[in-house]
Amino acid sequence: MSDKNEYWKANLQLVGLCIAIWFVVSFGFGILFADALNGIRIGGYQLGFWFAQQGSIYTFVALIFFYAHRMGVLDRKFGVHED
């Protein structure tokens, strides 16, 4: 397999991981499991409500930084990084 294909495969795996995490947090915790999570409180708010209102946004921002960092690692590994 060529380096281009390996780089693209690694990139797609990273994107898939990020999307899966975001889906679980936003749809799973914010909608599907909200009733179960509402029994737990964070800062006075029900956890299911918190994930629906804030948690998915915080997770998305954290995933942006995670993706940028991991892509930097991949770029250096495959020799396509910018100086």
N, C-alpha and C. Protein backbone atom coordinates (compact mmCIF):
# COMPACT_ATOMS: atom_id res chain seq x y z
N MET A 1 0.85 -1.18 0.00
CA MET A 1 0.00 0.00 0.00
C MET A 1 0.89 1.24 0.00
N SER A 2 0.54 2.21 -0.76
CA SER A 2 1.36 3.42 -0.85
C SER A 2 1.17 4.29 0.39
N ASP A 3 2.12 5.19 0.57
CA ASP A 3 2.04 6.11 1.72
C ASP A 3 0.79 6.97 1.66
N LYS A 4 0.39 7.36 0.44
CA LYS A 4 -0.83 8.18 0.29
C LYS A 4 -2.05 7.43 0.82
N ASN A 5 -2.15 6.16 0.46
CA ASN A 5 -3.29 5.36 0.90
C ASN A 5 -3.27 5.13 2.41
N GLU A 6 -2.09 4.88 2.96
CA GLU A 6 -1.97 4.70 4.41
C GLU A 6 -2.32 5.98 5.16
N TYR A 7 -1.85 7.11 4.63
CA TYR A 7 -2.16 8.41 5.23
C TYR A 7 -3.67 8.66 5.21
N TRP A 8 -4.28 8.41 4.07
CA TRP A 8 -5.72 8.63 3.92
C TRP A 8 -6.51 7.69 4.84
N LYS A 9 -6.09 6.44 4.93
CA LYS A 9 -6.75 5.47 5.81
C LYS A 9 -6.66 5.92 7.26
N ALA A 10 -5.48 6.37 7.69
CA ALA A 10 -5.30 6.84 9.07
C ALA A 10 -6.16 8.08 9.32
N ASN A 11 -6.24 8.96 8.33
CA ASN A 11 -7.07 10.17 8.45
C ASN A 11 -8.53 9.79 8.60
N LEU A 12 -9.01 8.89 7.78
CA LEU A 12 -10.42 8.46 7.85
C LEU A 12 -10.74 7.77 9.17
N GLN A 13 -9.80 6.98 9.70
CA GLN A 13 -10.02 6.34 10.99
C GLN A 13 -10.13 7.39 12.10
N LEU A 14 -9.30 8.41 12.03
CA LEU A 14 -9.35 9.48 13.02
C LEU A 14 -10.67 10.24 12.94
N VAL A 15 -11.08 10.57 11.73
CA VAL A 15 -12.36 11.27 11.55
C VAL A 15 -13.51 10.40 12.04
N GLY A 16 -13.49 9.11 11.71
CA GLY A 16 -14.54 8.20 12.16
C GLY A 16 -14.61 8.11 13.67
N LEU A 17 -13.45 8.06 14.33
CA LEU A 17 -13.41 8.03 15.79
C LEU A 17 -14.02 9.30 16.38
N CYS A 18 -13.64 10.45 15.84
CA CYS A 18 -14.16 11.73 16.34
C CYS A 18 -15.68 11.82 16.14
N ILE A 19 -16.15 11.41 14.99
CA ILE A 19 -17.59 11.47 14.73
C ILE A 19 -18.34 10.50 15.64
N ALA A 20 -17.79 9.32 15.86
CA ALA A 20 -18.44 8.34 16.75
C ALA A 20 -18.53 8.87 18.18
N ILE A 21 -17.45 9.46 18.67
CA ILE A 21 -17.47 10.04 20.02
C ILE A 21 -18.50 11.15 20.11
N TRP A 22 -18.51 12.03 19.12
CA TRP A 22 -19.46 13.15 19.14
C TRP A 22 -20.90 12.64 19.07
N PHE A 23 -21.15 11.62 18.27
CA PHE A 23 -22.48 11.05 18.16
C PHE A 23 -22.94 10.46 19.49
N VAL A 24 -22.07 9.68 20.13
CA VAL A 24 -22.43 9.06 21.40
C VAL A 24 -22.74 10.14 22.45
N VAL A 25 -21.91 11.17 22.50
CA VAL A 25 -22.11 12.22 23.51
C VAL A 25 -23.35 13.04 23.20
N SER A 26 -23.52 13.48 21.96
CA SER A 26 -24.65 14.37 21.66
C SER A 26 -25.97 13.62 21.55
N PHE A 27 -26.02 12.57 20.75
CA PHE A 27 -27.28 11.85 20.55
C PHE A 27 -27.53 10.85 21.67
N GLY A 28 -26.50 10.09 22.02
CA GLY A 28 -26.67 9.07 23.06
C GLY A 28 -26.92 9.66 24.43
N PHE A 29 -25.98 10.46 24.91
CA PHE A 29 -26.11 11.03 26.26
C PHE A 29 -27.15 12.13 26.33
N GLY A 30 -27.29 12.91 25.26
CA GLY A 30 -28.23 14.04 25.28
C GLY A 30 -29.66 13.67 24.99
N ILE A 31 -29.90 12.54 24.30
CA ILE A 31 -31.27 12.18 23.90
C ILE A 31 -31.64 10.78 24.39
N LEU A 32 -30.90 9.76 23.92
CA LEU A 32 -31.28 8.38 24.22
C LEU A 32 -31.19 8.03 25.70
N PHE A 33 -30.10 8.42 26.34
CA PHE A 33 -29.87 8.05 27.74
C PHE A 33 -30.11 9.21 28.69
N ALA A 34 -30.78 10.25 28.22
CA ALA A 34 -30.98 11.45 29.05
C ALA A 34 -31.77 11.13 30.31
N ASP A 35 -32.82 10.34 30.20
CA ASP A 35 -33.63 10.03 31.39
C ASP A 35 -32.81 9.28 32.44
N ALA A 36 -32.00 8.34 31.99
CA ALA A 36 -31.16 7.59 32.93
C ALA A 36 -30.11 8.48 33.57
N LEU A 37 -29.55 9.39 32.78
CA LEU A 37 -28.50 10.28 33.30
C LEU A 37 -29.05 11.41 34.17
N ASN A 38 -30.33 11.69 34.03
CA ASN A 38 -30.92 12.79 34.81
C ASN A 38 -30.96 12.51 36.30
N GLY A 39 -30.73 11.27 36.71
CA GLY A 39 -30.65 10.95 38.13
C GLY A 39 -29.35 11.45 38.76
N ILE A 40 -28.38 11.81 37.92
CA ILE A 40 -27.09 12.32 38.40
C ILE A 40 -27.09 13.83 38.20
N ARG A 41 -26.59 14.55 39.19
CA ARG A 41 -26.56 16.01 39.09
C ARG A 41 -25.12 16.51 39.04
N ILE A 42 -24.92 17.52 38.20
CA ILE A 42 -23.63 18.22 38.11
C ILE A 42 -23.92 19.70 38.28
N GLY A 43 -23.36 20.29 39.30
CA GLY A 43 -23.57 21.72 39.53
C GLY A 43 -25.04 22.10 39.67
N GLY A 44 -25.86 21.20 40.19
CA GLY A 44 -27.27 21.47 40.35
C GLY A 44 -28.13 21.13 39.14
N TYR A 45 -27.51 20.74 38.04
CA TYR A 45 -28.25 20.40 36.82
C TYR A 45 -28.24 18.90 36.60
N GLN A 46 -29.30 18.40 36.02
CA GLN A 46 -29.38 16.99 35.68
C GLN A 46 -28.37 16.68 34.58
N LEU A 47 -27.67 15.56 34.70
CA LEU A 47 -26.59 15.23 33.77
C LEU A 47 -27.09 15.08 32.33
N GLY A 48 -28.24 14.47 32.12
CA GLY A 48 -28.79 14.34 30.77
C GLY A 48 -29.07 15.69 30.14
N PHE A 49 -29.64 16.59 30.93
CA PHE A 49 -29.90 17.97 30.46
C PHE A 49 -28.58 18.66 30.15
N TRP A 50 -27.58 18.48 31.04
CA TRP A 50 -26.29 19.14 30.85
C TRP A 50 -25.64 18.69 29.54
N PHE A 51 -25.67 17.36 29.26
CA PHE A 51 -25.08 16.87 28.02
C PHE A 51 -25.82 17.44 26.81
N ALA A 52 -27.13 17.54 26.90
CA ALA A 52 -27.90 18.06 25.78
C ALA A 52 -27.61 19.54 25.53
N GLN A 53 -27.38 20.29 26.59
CA GLN A 53 -27.20 21.74 26.46
C GLN A 53 -25.73 22.17 26.35
N GLN A 54 -24.85 21.57 27.11
CA GLN A 54 -23.46 22.01 27.16
C GLN A 54 -22.45 20.92 26.81
N GLY A 55 -22.69 19.72 27.29
CA GLY A 55 -21.71 18.65 27.15
C GLY A 55 -21.31 18.34 25.73
N SER A 56 -22.28 18.31 24.82
CA SER A 56 -21.95 18.00 23.44
C SER A 56 -21.13 19.12 22.81
N ILE A 57 -21.37 20.36 23.21
CA ILE A 57 -20.59 21.48 22.69
C ILE A 57 -19.16 21.41 23.20
N TYR A 58 -18.99 21.18 24.50
CA TYR A 58 -17.65 21.06 25.07
C TYR A 58 -16.90 19.88 24.43
N THR A 59 -17.59 18.79 24.23
CA THR A 59 -16.97 17.63 23.61
C THR A 59 -16.54 17.95 22.18
N PHE A 60 -17.39 18.65 21.44
CA PHE A 60 -17.05 19.03 20.07
C PHE A 60 -15.79 19.90 20.03
N VAL A 61 -15.71 20.88 20.91
CA VAL A 61 -14.53 21.76 20.95
C VAL A 61 -13.28 20.95 21.33
N ALA A 62 -13.41 20.06 22.31
CA ALA A 62 -12.28 19.22 22.69
C ALA A 62 -11.85 18.32 21.53
N LEU A 63 -12.82 17.81 20.76
CA LEU A 63 -12.49 16.97 19.61
C LEU A 63 -11.77 17.74 18.52
N ILE A 64 -12.07 19.01 18.37
CA ILE A 64 -11.37 19.84 17.39
C ILE A 64 -9.88 19.91 17.74
N PHE A 65 -9.58 20.17 19.02
CA PHE A 65 -8.19 20.24 19.44
C PHE A 65 -7.51 18.86 19.33
N PHE A 66 -8.23 17.82 19.72
CA PHE A 66 -7.70 16.45 19.61
C PHE A 66 -7.39 16.12 18.15
N TYR A 67 -8.32 16.44 17.25
CA TYR A 67 -8.12 16.15 15.82
C TYR A 67 -6.92 16.92 15.27
N ALA A 68 -6.82 18.20 15.61
CA ALA A 68 -5.71 19.01 15.13
C ALA A 68 -4.37 18.44 15.61
N HIS A 69 -4.32 18.04 16.87
CA HIS A 69 -3.09 17.46 17.41
C HIS A 69 -2.74 16.15 16.71
N ARG A 70 -3.71 15.26 16.60
CA ARG A 70 -3.46 13.95 15.98
C ARG A 70 -3.11 14.09 14.50
N MET A 71 -3.71 15.06 13.81
CA MET A 71 -3.36 15.26 12.40
C MET A 71 -1.94 15.79 12.29
N GLY A 72 -1.50 16.61 13.24
CA GLY A 72 -0.11 17.05 13.25
C GLY A 72 0.83 15.88 13.39
N VAL A 73 0.47 14.94 14.27
CA VAL A 73 1.28 13.73 14.45
C VAL A 73 1.30 12.91 13.16
N LEU A 74 0.14 12.73 12.54
CA LEU A 74 0.07 11.98 11.28
C LEU A 74 0.86 12.68 10.17
N ASP A 75 0.74 13.99 10.08
CA ASP A 75 1.46 14.74 9.05
C ASP A 75 2.96 14.55 9.20
N ARG A 76 3.46 14.62 10.43
CA ARG A 76 4.89 14.42 10.65
C ARG A 76 5.30 12.96 10.33
N LYS A 77 4.45 12.04 10.71
CA LYS A 77 4.75 10.62 10.45
C LYS A 77 4.89 10.33 8.97
N PHE A 78 4.02 10.94 8.16
CA PHE A 78 4.02 10.68 6.72
C PHE A 78 4.77 11.74 5.92
N GLY A 79 5.41 12.69 6.61
CA GLY A 79 6.25 13.68 5.93
C GLY A 79 5.51 14.71 5.12
N VAL A 80 4.30 15.05 5.55
CA VAL A 80 3.52 16.07 4.82
C VAL A 80 3.23 17.29 5.72
N HIS A 81 3.99 17.43 6.79
CA HIS A 81 3.74 18.53 7.72
C HIS A 81 4.23 19.86 7.14
N GLU A 82 3.65 20.93 7.66
CA GLU A 82 4.06 22.28 7.27
C GLU A 82 5.02 22.81 8.32
N ASP A 83 6.00 23.56 7.87
CA ASP A 83 6.97 24.14 8.80
C ASP A 83 6.53 25.48 9.31
